[in-house]
Amino acid sequence: MNALATIIRDMIVEDGPISLERYMALALGHPAHGYYRTKTPLGASGDFITAPEISQMFGELIGLWCVEVWRLMGEPKSLHLVELGPGRGTLMADLLRAARVEPRFRSAIDLHLVETSAPLRRSQRQAIEGCGIPASWHESIEEAPSGAVIVIANEFFDALPVRHYVHQDGGWRERQVGLDAQGRLSFGLAPEPEPGLSAPGAHGEILEVGLAASHLMLTLATRIAEQGGALLAIDYGYCEPSRGETLQAVRRHGFADPLHDPGEADLTAHVDFCSLERAARAAGAQVHGPAPQGQWLARLGIFERAAMLRSHADQSQCAAIDAALERLAGTPGADSATDMARLFKVLAVTPPDFPAPPGFEMESP
């Protein structure tokens, strides 16, 4: 049992079982032992790889997306550019490099990075130090200054804690983390049904509820609706109401036990884009998408960008470009349900009556 598991065990001994949501918050964000406080999880030597690490094309297209959104905003002379969970800074470095096509945009932006990990902050500083744009770092989005903003959230919402409710004896009981007979962390259920849940369900069926994600979306969308700007959220998840659990622990690119050595593995859950959309609309904002990542990247011109890169590449570089393109955007016309192109969704939030941002122009009304 590692240090954080001992801390959690002592909490349970003192006060009783804790919710899954509380457990995830501790495992990911404990000040001394939390995964995102202490680890550098990205890359081949880490636990997982995100889209910006696969190819420069991803961040470049997001950079051009930001420039066009700025134009649709009326080219304000001052704009906050905020990234939530910037990883190693790869996306932002590629974004700022691509944005050189519009020097006035670069002159307008005030850059803010929301990051709780000290190791990742160091990597981010190194990644963007040659970009010519000064940056400020924050612990939370609430610390970023008010005003018009473009927010980038790539694989951020999936890392927010979720709650599980299991249908048993005619009611929904919250899944909790307690201790087994040997004193080890184990899953259990609350003794009484959750009073606010009355939906029908089959015995053993699970509801996964991302209240933290919905609350964050409400905060962001309220700001955007009132102060102007846009949010771009990219994550793996689903667009239709769904039941069942998607919680997973990932360590060294493989699945792990979520209760074993908390703080040592990444804990994530698929994003419920239905809930995000409802929260954004409740804040008075306009929602665009969600669209499959592959479709959205194709509309932004990733295949054309890949062709341009190939024209200046040798054979091995061309092979790498093609592999990255297939992973990010898939094969046009293919019907694969397992690649990033389809599993990942892209959603944008803007003020009411804002024009459709790039990649969303062809949506059905």
Protein backbone atom coordinates (compact mmCIF):
# COMPACT_ATOMS: atom_id res chain seq x y z
CA MET A 1 0.00 0.00 0.00
CA ASN A 2 1.56 3.27 -1.11
CA ALA A 3 1.48 6.61 0.75
CA LEU A 4 -1.74 7.90 -0.81
CA ALA A 5 -3.53 4.59 -0.28
CA THR A 6 -2.56 4.81 3.38
CA ILE A 7 -3.93 8.35 3.60
CA ILE A 8 -7.21 7.28 1.99
CA ARG A 9 -7.45 4.20 4.20
CA ASP A 10 -7.04 6.36 7.31
CA MET A 11 -9.77 8.71 6.03
CA ILE A 12 -12.13 5.76 5.59
CA VAL A 13 -11.31 4.36 9.03
CA GLU A 14 -12.03 7.76 10.54
CA ASP A 15 -15.14 8.84 8.60
CA GLY A 16 -16.40 5.85 6.61
CA PRO A 17 -16.42 5.02 2.89
CA ILE A 18 -15.91 7.82 0.36
CA SER A 19 -17.55 8.34 -3.02
CA LEU A 20 -15.83 7.29 -6.23
CA GLU A 21 -15.80 10.97 -7.16
CA ARG A 22 -13.87 11.83 -3.99
CA TYR A 23 -11.48 8.93 -4.54
CA MET A 24 -10.71 10.04 -8.12
CA ALA A 25 -10.17 13.62 -6.98
CA LEU A 26 -7.62 12.45 -4.42
CA ALA A 27 -5.90 9.98 -6.75
CA LEU A 28 -5.49 12.61 -9.46
CA GLY A 29 -5.14 15.82 -7.50
CA HIS A 30 -3.81 15.18 -3.98
CA PRO A 31 -1.32 18.02 -3.34
CA ALA A 32 1.56 15.71 -2.43
CA HIS A 33 0.76 12.37 -4.07
CA GLY A 34 -1.83 13.03 -6.82
CA TYR A 35 -1.13 11.69 -10.29
CA TYR A 36 -1.36 15.04 -12.05
CA ARG A 37 0.59 16.78 -9.29
CA THR A 38 3.65 14.57 -9.49
CA LYS A 39 3.83 12.72 -12.82
CA THR A 40 4.88 13.49 -16.38
CA PRO A 41 2.43 11.03 -17.94
CA LEU A 42 2.73 11.77 -21.65
CA GLY A 43 4.87 10.11 -24.30
CA ALA A 44 6.39 6.70 -24.93
CA SER A 45 8.05 6.71 -21.51
CA GLY A 46 4.84 7.80 -19.77
CA ASP A 47 1.39 6.27 -19.49
CA PHE A 48 -0.42 7.52 -22.61
CA ILE A 49 -0.06 9.58 -25.79
CA THR A 50 -2.41 12.39 -26.84
CA ALA A 51 -3.15 13.72 -30.32
CA PRO A 52 -0.65 16.64 -30.20
CA GLU A 53 2.13 14.15 -29.48
CA ILE A 54 1.15 12.10 -32.55
CA SER A 55 1.59 14.86 -35.11
CA GLN A 56 2.24 18.58 -35.40
CA MET A 57 -0.75 18.78 -37.75
CA PHE A 58 -3.19 18.55 -34.85
CA GLY A 59 -1.96 21.63 -33.00
CA GLU A 60 -1.36 23.55 -36.22
CA LEU A 61 -4.97 23.15 -37.33
CA ILE A 62 -6.21 24.22 -33.89
CA GLY A 63 -3.99 27.29 -34.19
CA LEU A 64 -5.59 28.22 -37.52
CA TRP A 65 -9.00 27.50 -35.96
CA CYS A 66 -8.24 30.03 -33.21
CA VAL A 67 -7.19 32.64 -35.75
CA GLU A 68 -10.45 32.24 -37.68
CA VAL A 69 -12.56 32.37 -34.50
CA TRP A 70 -10.74 35.59 -33.57
CA ARG A 71 -11.72 36.99 -36.97
CA LEU A 72 -15.32 35.95 -36.48
CA MET A 73 -15.22 37.76 -33.14
CA GLY A 74 -14.40 40.98 -34.99
CA GLU A 75 -10.63 40.82 -34.48
CA PRO A 76 -10.53 42.18 -30.92
CA LYS A 77 -7.27 43.85 -29.96
CA SER A 78 -7.20 41.96 -26.65
CA LEU A 79 -8.06 38.29 -26.18
CA HIS A 80 -7.26 35.72 -23.52
CA LEU A 81 -6.07 32.38 -24.95
CA VAL A 82 -6.44 29.66 -22.31
CA GLU A 83 -5.49 26.00 -22.49
CA LEU A 84 -6.77 23.59 -19.85
CA GLY A 85 -4.32 20.80 -19.04
CA PRO A 86 -1.68 21.66 -21.65
CA GLY A 87 0.28 18.41 -21.27
CA ARG A 88 3.90 18.94 -22.30
CA GLY A 89 3.02 22.15 -24.16
CA THR A 90 3.20 20.50 -27.58
CA LEU A 91 -0.25 21.59 -28.73
CA MET A 92 0.30 25.19 -27.67
CA ALA A 93 3.74 25.36 -29.31
CA ASP A 94 2.28 24.06 -32.61
CA LEU A 95 -0.73 26.37 -32.26
CA LEU A 96 1.39 29.48 -31.78
CA ARG A 97 3.70 28.54 -34.64
CA ALA A 98 0.78 28.12 -37.06
CA ALA A 99 -0.74 31.39 -35.83
CA ARG A 100 2.21 33.28 -37.30
CA VAL A 101 0.11 33.56 -40.46
CA GLU A 102 -1.78 36.33 -38.63
CA PRO A 103 0.60 38.56 -36.63
CA ARG A 104 -2.30 40.69 -35.40
CA PHE A 105 -3.84 37.67 -33.68
CA ARG A 106 -0.56 36.88 -31.96
CA SER A 107 -0.28 40.51 -30.84
CA ALA A 108 -3.80 40.39 -29.41
CA ILE A 109 -3.53 37.23 -27.31
CA ASP A 110 -2.78 37.07 -23.62
CA LEU A 111 -1.71 33.47 -22.96
CA HIS A 112 -2.83 31.50 -19.88
CA LEU A 113 -2.17 27.83 -19.08
CA VAL A 114 -4.18 26.01 -16.42
CA GLU A 115 -1.92 23.31 -15.00
CA THR A 116 -1.53 21.81 -11.51
CA SER A 117 1.53 19.63 -12.23
CA ALA A 118 4.92 21.18 -11.47
CA PRO A 119 6.78 18.74 -13.78
CA LEU A 120 4.40 19.48 -16.65
CA ARG A 121 4.68 23.24 -16.10
CA ARG A 122 8.43 22.92 -16.61
CA SER A 123 7.87 21.00 -19.85
CA GLN A 124 5.37 23.60 -21.03
CA ARG A 125 7.79 26.45 -20.40
CA GLN A 126 10.44 24.68 -22.43
CA ALA A 127 8.03 23.95 -25.27
CA ILE A 128 6.81 27.51 -25.73
CA GLU A 129 9.87 29.51 -24.69
CA GLY A 130 10.80 30.25 -28.31
CA CYS A 131 7.28 31.20 -29.40
CA GLY A 132 7.59 34.86 -28.49
CA ILE A 133 4.40 34.95 -26.42
CA PRO A 134 4.67 35.37 -22.62
CA ALA A 135 2.49 33.03 -20.58
CA SER A 136 0.89 32.90 -17.14
CA TRP A 137 0.13 29.68 -15.25
CA HIS A 138 -2.89 29.03 -13.02
CA GLU A 139 -4.21 26.30 -10.76
CA SER A 140 -7.79 26.69 -12.03
CA ILE A 141 -9.79 28.44 -14.74
CA GLU A 142 -11.25 30.75 -12.10
CA GLU A 143 -7.81 32.36 -11.73
CA ALA A 144 -7.69 33.42 -15.38
CA PRO A 145 -8.62 37.10 -15.89
CA SER A 146 -12.09 38.06 -17.12
CA GLY A 147 -12.77 39.17 -20.67
CA ALA A 148 -13.16 37.63 -24.11
CA VAL A 149 -11.49 34.23 -24.24
CA ILE A 150 -10.72 31.26 -26.44
CA VAL A 151 -10.41 28.11 -24.32
CA ILE A 152 -8.77 24.93 -25.60
CA ALA A 153 -9.55 21.72 -23.70
CA ASN A 154 -7.96 18.70 -25.37
CA GLU A 155 -8.40 15.50 -23.34
CA PHE A 156 -9.26 17.49 -20.24
CA PHE A 157 -12.87 16.65 -19.40
CA ASP A 158 -12.13 12.90 -19.37
CA ALA A 159 -9.87 13.37 -16.33
CA LEU A 160 -12.58 14.96 -14.17
CA PRO A 161 -14.04 12.74 -11.43
CA VAL A 162 -17.31 10.87 -11.98
CA ARG A 163 -19.90 9.27 -9.74
CA HIS A 164 -21.32 5.77 -10.16
CA TYR A 165 -24.77 4.63 -9.12
CA VAL A 166 -25.69 0.93 -9.18
CA HIS A 167 -29.32 -0.22 -9.41
CA GLN A 168 -30.09 -2.63 -6.59
CA ASP A 169 -33.25 -3.54 -4.67
CA GLY A 170 -35.35 -1.08 -6.66
CA GLY A 171 -33.12 1.98 -6.19
CA TRP A 172 -29.85 3.56 -7.25
CA ARG A 173 -27.07 3.24 -4.67
CA GLU A 174 -23.88 5.25 -4.99
CA ARG A 175 -20.68 3.28 -5.50
CA GLN A 176 -18.21 4.00 -2.74
CA VAL A 177 -14.62 3.16 -1.89
CA GLY A 178 -14.20 1.42 1.44
CA LEU A 179 -12.05 -1.30 2.96
CA ASP A 180 -12.27 -5.07 2.63
CA ALA A 181 -11.67 -7.58 5.42
CA GLN A 182 -7.90 -7.30 4.89
CA GLY A 183 -7.95 -3.48 5.10
CA ARG A 184 -7.42 -2.97 1.37
CA LEU A 185 -9.29 -0.42 -0.72
CA SER A 186 -12.38 -1.97 -2.28
CA PHE A 187 -15.61 -0.95 -3.97
CA GLY A 188 -18.96 -1.10 -2.18
CA LEU A 189 -22.39 0.55 -2.26
CA ALA A 190 -24.07 3.14 -0.08
CA PRO A 191 -26.50 1.53 2.38
CA GLU A 192 -29.47 3.61 1.17
CA PRO A 193 -30.68 4.50 -2.35
CA GLU A 194 -29.92 7.97 -3.70
CA PRO A 195 -33.14 9.95 -3.07
CA GLY A 196 -32.86 12.12 -6.18
CA LEU A 197 -32.62 9.22 -8.66
CA SER A 198 -35.88 7.57 -9.65
CA ALA A 199 -35.21 6.38 -13.22
CA PRO A 200 -36.05 2.73 -13.87
CA GLY A 201 -33.17 0.29 -14.18
CA ALA A 202 -32.23 -3.35 -14.27
CA HIS A 203 -30.52 -5.02 -11.32
CA GLY A 204 -26.79 -4.27 -11.43
CA GLU A 205 -27.11 -1.56 -14.07
CA ILE A 206 -24.73 1.38 -13.63
CA LEU A 207 -25.23 5.10 -14.13
CA GLU A 208 -22.05 7.12 -14.62
CA VAL A 209 -22.55 10.79 -13.81
CA GLY A 210 -19.96 13.48 -14.52
CA LEU A 211 -21.13 16.31 -12.29
CA ALA A 212 -17.65 17.88 -12.16
CA ALA A 213 -17.54 18.09 -15.96
CA SER A 214 -21.03 19.60 -16.15
CA HIS A 215 -20.21 22.18 -13.48
CA LEU A 216 -17.02 23.20 -15.28
CA MET A 217 -18.87 23.48 -18.59
CA LEU A 218 -21.52 25.65 -16.92
CA THR A 219 -18.76 27.96 -15.63
CA LEU A 220 -17.00 28.20 -18.98
CA ALA A 221 -20.15 28.58 -21.06
CA THR A 222 -21.53 31.29 -18.76
CA ARG A 223 -18.35 33.29 -19.18
CA ILE A 224 -18.35 32.86 -22.95
CA ALA A 225 -22.03 33.76 -23.30
CA GLU A 226 -21.55 36.91 -21.22
CA GLN A 227 -18.03 38.04 -22.17
CA GLY A 228 -17.48 36.61 -25.64
CA GLY A 229 -15.14 34.04 -27.13
CA ALA A 230 -15.26 30.31 -27.70
CA LEU A 231 -14.47 26.96 -26.13
CA LEU A 232 -13.07 24.03 -28.10
CA ALA A 233 -13.36 20.68 -26.30
CA ILE A 234 -11.85 17.51 -27.80
CA ASP A 235 -12.17 14.21 -25.97
CA TYR A 236 -13.20 10.59 -26.27
CA GLY A 237 -16.80 10.01 -25.31
CA TYR A 238 -20.36 9.52 -26.46
CA CYS A 239 -23.16 11.70 -27.80
CA GLU A 240 -26.22 9.62 -26.94
CA PRO A 241 -27.54 8.84 -23.45
CA SER A 242 -25.78 5.73 -22.20
CA ARG A 243 -25.62 3.44 -19.19
CA GLY A 244 -22.67 1.46 -17.93
CA GLU A 245 -19.29 2.41 -16.52
CA THR A 246 -16.30 3.64 -18.51
CA LEU A 247 -13.88 4.27 -15.63
CA GLN A 248 -10.39 3.05 -16.46
CA ALA A 249 -6.92 3.26 -14.99
CA VAL A 250 -3.97 3.49 -17.39
CA ARG A 251 -0.35 2.94 -16.47
CA ARG A 252 2.56 2.48 -18.87
CA HIS A 253 0.16 2.30 -21.83
CA GLY A 254 -1.80 -0.60 -20.29
CA PHE A 255 -4.86 -1.00 -18.10
CA ALA A 256 -4.45 -1.18 -14.33
CA ASP A 257 -6.56 -1.69 -11.21
CA PRO A 258 -8.01 1.76 -10.34
CA LEU A 259 -7.79 1.01 -6.60
CA HIS A 260 -4.20 -0.24 -6.63
CA ASP A 261 -1.55 2.35 -5.71
CA PRO A 262 -3.69 5.49 -6.17
CA GLY A 263 -1.73 8.34 -7.68
CA GLU A 264 0.39 6.02 -9.81
CA ALA A 265 -2.08 5.53 -12.70
CA ASP A 266 -4.18 7.89 -14.77
CA LEU A 267 -7.90 7.60 -14.02
CA THR A 268 -10.34 8.63 -16.75
CA ALA A 269 -13.91 8.15 -17.89
CA HIS A 270 -15.54 8.66 -21.26
CA VAL A 271 -17.03 12.13 -21.64
CA ASP A 272 -20.80 12.47 -21.72
CA PHE A 273 -21.16 15.09 -24.43
CA CYS A 274 -24.95 15.15 -23.92
CA SER A 275 -24.42 16.49 -20.41
CA LEU A 276 -21.84 19.03 -21.59
CA GLU A 277 -24.23 20.27 -24.25
CA ARG A 278 -27.08 20.62 -21.74
CA ALA A 279 -24.86 22.55 -19.33
CA ALA A 280 -23.65 24.93 -22.05
CA ARG A 281 -27.18 25.62 -23.27
CA ALA A 282 -28.36 26.16 -19.70
CA ALA A 283 -25.73 28.90 -19.44
CA GLY A 284 -27.22 30.65 -22.48
CA ALA A 285 -24.42 29.68 -24.86
CA GLN A 286 -24.61 28.21 -28.34
CA VAL A 287 -23.27 24.69 -28.97
CA HIS A 288 -21.67 23.43 -32.19
CA GLY A 289 -21.24 19.69 -32.60
CA PRO A 290 -20.16 17.36 -31.22
CA ALA A 291 -18.57 16.09 -34.42
CA PRO A 292 -16.29 13.07 -34.86
CA GLN A 293 -12.66 14.17 -34.64
CA GLY A 294 -11.77 12.70 -38.03
CA GLN A 295 -14.59 14.53 -39.77
CA TRP A 296 -13.72 17.80 -38.04
CA LEU A 297 -10.01 17.54 -38.89
CA ALA A 298 -10.87 16.71 -42.51
CA ARG A 299 -13.00 19.84 -42.74
CA LEU A 300 -10.11 21.87 -41.36
CA GLY A 301 -7.81 20.50 -44.08
CA ILE A 302 -5.68 17.86 -42.38
CA PHE A 303 -5.40 15.77 -45.55
CA GLU A 304 -4.19 18.80 -47.51
CA ARG A 305 -1.75 19.67 -44.73
CA ALA A 306 -0.41 16.12 -44.78
CA ALA A 307 0.10 16.31 -48.55
CA MET A 308 2.07 19.52 -48.09
CA LEU A 309 4.28 17.93 -45.44
CA ARG A 310 4.86 14.87 -47.64
CA SER A 311 6.10 17.06 -50.48
CA HIS A 312 9.11 18.04 -48.35
CA ALA A 313 9.66 14.66 -46.64
CA ASP A 314 11.77 11.60 -47.30
CA GLN A 315 10.34 8.08 -47.47
CA SER A 316 10.48 7.34 -43.74
CA GLN A 317 9.03 10.74 -42.89
CA CYS A 318 6.20 10.18 -45.36
CA ALA A 319 5.41 6.87 -43.68
CA ALA A 320 5.28 8.61 -40.29
CA ILE A 321 2.99 11.31 -41.67
CA ASP A 322 0.65 8.72 -43.15
CA ALA A 323 0.55 6.73 -39.90
CA ALA A 324 -0.26 9.86 -37.89
CA LEU A 325 -2.93 10.90 -40.38
CA GLU A 326 -4.59 7.49 -40.20
CA ARG A 327 -4.57 7.56 -36.40
CA LEU A 328 -5.94 11.10 -36.07
CA ALA A 329 -8.39 11.31 -38.96
CA GLY A 330 -8.88 7.76 -40.23
CA THR A 331 -9.28 6.70 -43.82
CA PRO A 332 -11.88 8.63 -45.83
CA GLY A 333 -14.91 6.40 -46.37
CA ALA A 334 -13.80 3.76 -43.86
CA ASP A 335 -16.20 2.63 -41.14
CA SER A 336 -13.93 1.80 -38.21
CA ALA A 337 -15.36 2.15 -34.70
CA THR A 338 -12.09 1.79 -32.85
CA ASP A 339 -9.88 4.63 -34.04
CA MET A 340 -9.44 8.13 -32.62
CA ALA A 341 -11.16 9.56 -35.68
CA ARG A 342 -14.53 8.23 -34.52
CA LEU A 343 -14.14 7.70 -30.78
CA PHE A 344 -12.98 11.27 -30.17
CA LYS A 345 -15.54 14.06 -30.47
CA VAL A 346 -15.14 17.80 -30.97
CA LEU A 347 -17.51 20.33 -29.46
CA ALA A 348 -17.44 24.13 -29.62
CA VAL A 349 -19.27 26.61 -27.42
CA THR A 350 -19.82 30.23 -28.48
CA PRO A 351 -22.08 33.13 -27.55
CA PRO A 352 -25.62 33.10 -28.96
CA ASP A 353 -25.93 33.95 -32.67
CA PHE A 354 -22.19 33.45 -33.24
CA PRO A 355 -21.34 32.11 -36.73
CA ALA A 356 -20.43 28.43 -37.00
CA PRO A 357 -16.72 28.06 -36.20
CA PRO A 358 -14.41 26.21 -38.63
CA GLY A 359 -15.21 22.53 -38.91
CA PHE A 360 -18.84 22.98 -37.89
CA GLU A 361 -20.17 24.91 -40.90
CA MET A 362 -21.77 21.82 -42.46
CA GLU A 363 -23.85 20.82 -39.43
CA SER A 364 -27.51 20.06 -39.93
CA PRO A 365 -29.78 22.68 -38.41
